[in-house]
Protein backbone atom coordinates (compact mmCIF):
# COMPACT_ATOMS: atom_id res chain seq x y z
CA MET A 1 297.19 -5.31 44.72
CA ILE A 2 297.22 -8.06 42.12
CA PRO A 3 294.14 -8.13 39.82
CA ILE A 4 292.45 -11.37 39.52
CA ASP A 5 290.09 -12.58 36.64
CA ILE A 6 287.74 -15.21 37.76
CA CYS A 7 287.27 -17.59 34.70
CA GLY A 8 284.99 -20.14 36.22
CA ARG A 9 283.52 -22.00 39.18
CA LEU A 10 283.96 -25.70 40.21
CA ASP A 11 280.91 -27.30 42.09
CA TRP A 12 282.19 -28.71 45.33
CA LEU A 13 280.78 -29.85 48.71
CA LYS A 14 279.09 -27.26 50.87
CA THR A 15 281.05 -26.78 54.07
CA ASP A 16 282.44 -24.15 56.45
CA ASP A 17 285.97 -25.80 56.45
CA SER A 18 288.42 -23.64 54.51
CA TYR A 19 291.72 -25.58 54.69
CA ILE A 20 291.41 -27.75 51.83
CA ASN A 21 294.12 -27.75 49.20
CA ILE A 22 293.60 -27.81 45.65
CA SER A 23 296.07 -29.30 43.02
CA ALA A 24 296.09 -29.23 39.20
CA ARG A 25 297.71 -31.29 36.45
CA SER A 26 297.84 -28.78 33.62
CA ASN A 27 299.16 -31.43 31.12
CA LEU A 28 295.80 -33.47 31.88
CA GLY A 29 293.54 -30.42 32.40
CA ALA A 30 292.70 -31.93 35.79
CA VAL A 31 292.06 -30.19 39.12
CA LEU A 32 291.63 -32.09 42.21
CA THR A 33 290.65 -31.44 45.78
CA GLY A 34 289.62 -33.19 49.02
CA ASP A 35 286.89 -32.71 51.45
CA ASN A 36 286.08 -32.99 55.13
CA MET A 37 284.15 -36.20 54.31
CA GLY A 38 287.21 -38.22 52.97
CA ASN A 39 286.43 -37.76 49.40
CA ILE A 40 288.48 -36.77 46.64
CA TRP A 41 286.91 -34.55 43.89
CA ILE A 42 288.32 -34.77 40.32
CA TYR A 43 287.45 -32.09 37.60
CA ASP A 44 288.26 -31.98 34.04
CA VAL A 45 288.63 -28.33 33.13
CA ASP A 46 290.43 -29.00 29.71
CA PRO A 47 287.09 -28.19 27.72
CA TYR A 48 287.19 -24.67 29.27
CA ILE A 49 290.89 -23.94 29.33
CA GLU A 50 293.03 -23.34 26.28
CA GLU A 51 296.85 -22.69 25.86
CA ASN A 52 296.01 -19.11 24.81
CA PRO A 53 294.87 -17.11 27.99
CA GLU A 54 292.77 -15.11 25.76
CA LYS A 55 290.61 -17.91 24.63
CA VAL A 56 289.65 -19.18 28.16
CA SER A 57 285.93 -19.70 28.58
CA ARG A 58 284.68 -16.88 30.84
CA GLY A 59 282.07 -17.68 33.50
CA PHE A 60 282.22 -21.46 32.96
CA ARG A 61 280.64 -23.77 35.71
CA CYS A 62 282.08 -27.31 35.92
CA GLY A 63 280.94 -30.34 37.87
CA SER A 64 283.06 -33.04 39.04
CA LEU A 65 284.24 -35.67 36.70
CA LYS A 66 284.49 -38.32 39.50
CA VAL A 67 284.20 -38.28 43.16
CA LEU A 68 286.33 -40.88 45.06
CA GLU A 69 284.86 -42.02 48.27
CA TRP A 70 286.85 -42.87 51.33
CA PRO A 71 287.10 -46.52 51.53
CA ASP A 72 285.58 -48.64 54.35
CA CYS A 73 288.79 -49.74 56.32
CA ASN A 74 286.81 -51.58 59.00
CA ASN A 75 284.84 -53.76 56.80
CA GLY A 76 281.63 -52.39 58.18
CA GLU A 77 282.75 -53.33 61.70
CA SER A 78 282.62 -50.97 64.74
CA ASP A 79 285.27 -50.55 67.25
CA GLU A 80 285.09 -51.73 71.01
CA ASN A 81 282.80 -48.80 71.68
CA GLY A 82 280.33 -49.43 68.89
CA ASN A 83 281.55 -46.59 66.84
CA PHE A 84 282.37 -46.76 63.19
CA SER A 85 285.63 -44.99 61.91
CA LYS A 86 285.04 -41.56 61.02
CA HIS A 87 285.93 -40.28 57.50
CA PRO A 88 289.01 -38.29 57.67
CA ALA A 89 289.40 -34.82 56.05
CA ILE A 90 291.58 -35.01 52.94
CA ASN A 91 294.00 -32.10 53.14
CA MET A 92 296.15 -32.61 50.16
CA VAL A 93 295.61 -34.43 46.86
CA ASP A 94 297.87 -34.90 43.91
CA MET A 95 297.75 -36.87 40.61
CA SER A 96 300.57 -38.73 38.88
CA SER A 97 301.70 -36.94 35.69
CA ASP A 98 300.15 -39.61 33.44
CA GLY A 99 296.69 -39.65 35.22
CA GLN A 100 296.81 -43.04 36.46
CA PHE A 101 297.07 -42.47 40.23
CA VAL A 102 295.73 -40.26 42.71
CA VAL A 103 297.32 -39.75 46.13
CA GLY A 104 295.41 -38.24 49.20
CA VAL A 105 296.85 -37.22 52.43
CA SER A 106 294.23 -37.12 55.51
CA ASP A 107 294.12 -35.41 58.73
CA ASN A 108 294.76 -38.77 60.70
CA ASN A 109 297.99 -39.37 59.20
CA LEU A 110 297.16 -41.83 56.34
CA VAL A 111 298.27 -41.54 52.80
CA CYS A 112 295.94 -43.35 50.36
CA ILE A 113 296.74 -44.16 46.64
CA TRP A 114 293.94 -44.95 44.08
CA LYS A 115 294.52 -46.43 40.74
CA LEU A 116 292.27 -44.15 38.68
CA THR A 117 289.91 -45.63 36.08
CA ILE A 118 287.26 -43.25 34.52
CA ALA A 119 284.44 -45.14 33.04
């Protein structure tokens, strides 16, 4: 068995789905994940993580820096049955090494790219 030391927790959506992937950009201190509502959650863990593993803040709790919501691809219009498009689950997320772009892959075969601006 490999010992695991839990350093902290990231606040996330309450869901029973467990297939969501998490990615990290260590050079930016960023952690990203999708959810089953089509959102992408971005966390800044840099204030809690340092290069020296002995100095990692223990027991930290981190809220998201930003949540990118799934765009309305139908301009608010419903289909022929009166249904609005459902928001897909975002199965995988990644960020460019410079932190300018976020890519999300959905369960309905879409790849979406956002240009990221944090205000």
